[in-house]
Amino acid sequence: MENQFTTPEHSQDKPEEKLPDVAVEEKDDAPAGRNIKRTLIIAVCVLIVFYLIYYFMSDH
């Protein structure tokens, strides 16, 4: 069993890691944020439609 303090993943002196090229090129994910909002709006609309179908199909 290795000593946990001598392995690099547990040491306090971690070497500096370079960021991947994708992270440097795409600093802000504005398109992804718009897609999340659209997806949530569509999901809520679908749930409302299912609820209305259930509500009107039951004998109210």
C-alpha atoms as a PDB file:
ATOM      1  CA  MET A   1       0.000   0.000   0.000  1.00  0.00           C
ATOM      2  CA  GLU A   2       1.423   3.362  -1.001  1.00  0.00           C
ATOM      3  CA  ASN A   3       1.704   6.208   1.380  1.00  0.00           C
ATOM      4  CA  GLN A   4      -1.128   8.593   0.556  1.00  0.00           C
ATOM      5  CA  PHE A   5       1.068  11.638   1.093  1.00  0.00           C
ATOM      6  CA  THR A   6       3.713  10.646  -1.443  1.00  0.00           C
ATOM      7  CA  THR A   7       1.363   9.968  -4.357  1.00  0.00           C
ATOM      8  CA  PRO A   8       0.791  12.980  -6.635  1.00  0.00           C
ATOM      9  CA  GLU A   9      -3.008  12.867  -6.453  1.00  0.00           C
ATOM     10  CA  HIS A  10      -2.954  13.284  -2.664  1.00  0.00           C
ATOM     11  CA  SER A  11      -0.082  15.718  -2.285  1.00  0.00           C
ATOM     12  CA  GLN A  12      -0.604  19.395  -1.598  1.00  0.00           C
ATOM     13  CA  ASP A  13       1.917  20.391  -4.296  1.00  0.00           C
ATOM     14  CA  LYS A  14      -0.026  19.549  -7.428  1.00  0.00           C
ATOM     15  CA  PRO A  15       1.628  20.430 -10.712  1.00  0.00           C
ATOM     16  CA  GLU A  16      -0.065  23.149 -12.718  1.00  0.00           C
ATOM     17  CA  GLU A  17      -2.324  21.712 -15.370  1.00  0.00           C
ATOM     18  CA  LYS A  18      -2.844  23.345 -18.733  1.00  0.00           C
ATOM     19  CA  LEU A  19      -6.407  23.949 -19.818  1.00  0.00           C
ATOM     20  CA  PRO A  20      -7.622  22.056 -22.878  1.00  0.00           C
ATOM     21  CA  ASP A  21      -7.772  24.037 -26.127  1.00  0.00           C
ATOM     22  CA  VAL A  22     -11.581  23.807 -26.162  1.00  0.00           C
ATOM     23  CA  ALA A  23     -11.824  25.561 -22.798  1.00  0.00           C
ATOM     24  CA  VAL A  24      -9.581  28.368 -24.001  1.00  0.00           C
ATOM     25  CA  GLU A  25     -11.409  28.829 -27.325  1.00  0.00           C
ATOM     26  CA  GLU A  26     -14.964  28.739 -25.911  1.00  0.00           C
ATOM     27  CA  LYS A  27     -14.817  30.875 -22.812  1.00  0.00           C
ATOM     28  CA  ASP A  28     -18.557  31.418 -22.438  1.00  0.00           C
ATOM     29  CA  ASP A  29     -21.280  28.965 -23.281  1.00  0.00           C
ATOM     30  CA  ALA A  30     -24.074  31.357 -24.198  1.00  0.00           C
ATOM     31  CA  PRO A  31     -25.556  29.016 -26.857  1.00  0.00           C
ATOM     32  CA  ALA A  32     -25.707  26.181 -24.319  1.00  0.00           C
ATOM     33  CA  GLY A  33     -27.485  28.460 -21.871  1.00  0.00           C
ATOM     34  CA  ARG A  34     -30.106  29.335 -24.488  1.00  0.00           C
ATOM     35  CA  ASN A  35     -30.646  25.665 -25.265  1.00  0.00           C
ATOM     36  CA  ILE A  36     -31.227  24.859 -21.595  1.00  0.00           C
ATOM     37  CA  LYS A  37     -33.871  27.595 -21.349  1.00  0.00           C
ATOM     38  CA  ARG A  38     -35.615  26.368 -24.508  1.00  0.00           C
ATOM     39  CA  THR A  39     -35.574  22.788 -23.272  1.00  0.00           C
ATOM     40  CA  LEU A  40     -37.098  23.751 -19.927  1.00  0.00           C
ATOM     41  CA  ILE A  41     -39.847  25.789 -21.602  1.00  0.00           C
ATOM     42  CA  ILE A  42     -40.706  22.909 -23.952  1.00  0.00           C
ATOM     43  CA  ALA A  43     -40.718  20.406 -21.071  1.00  0.00           C
ATOM     44  CA  VAL A  44     -43.064  22.578 -18.998  1.00  0.00           C
ATOM     45  CA  CYS A  45     -45.408  23.012 -21.969  1.00  0.00           C
ATOM     46  CA  VAL A  46     -45.521  19.262 -22.569  1.00  0.00           C
ATOM     47  CA  LEU A  47     -46.259  18.635 -18.899  1.00  0.00           C
ATOM     48  CA  ILE A  48     -49.075  21.215 -18.972  1.00  0.00           C
ATOM     49  CA  VAL A  49     -50.579  19.501 -22.027  1.00  0.00           C
ATOM     50  CA  PHE A  50     -50.443  16.104 -20.302  1.00  0.00           C
ATOM     51  CA  TYR A  51     -52.017  17.568 -17.168  1.00  0.00           C
ATOM     52  CA  LEU A  52     -54.848  19.181 -19.146  1.00  0.00           C
ATOM     53  CA  ILE A  53     -55.523  15.936 -21.015  1.00  0.00           C
ATOM     54  CA  TYR A  54     -55.626  14.045 -17.714  1.00  0.00           C
ATOM     55  CA  TYR A  55     -57.835  16.717 -16.107  1.00  0.00           C
ATOM     56  CA  PHE A  56     -60.416  16.801 -18.907  1.00  0.00           C
ATOM     57  CA  MET A  57     -60.434  13.023 -19.399  1.00  0.00           C
ATOM     58  CA  SER A  58     -61.324  12.477 -15.762  1.00  0.00           C
ATOM     59  CA  ASP A  59     -64.927  13.192 -14.798  1.00  0.00           C
ATOM     60  CA  HIS A  60     -64.657  16.738 -13.449  1.00  0.00           C
END
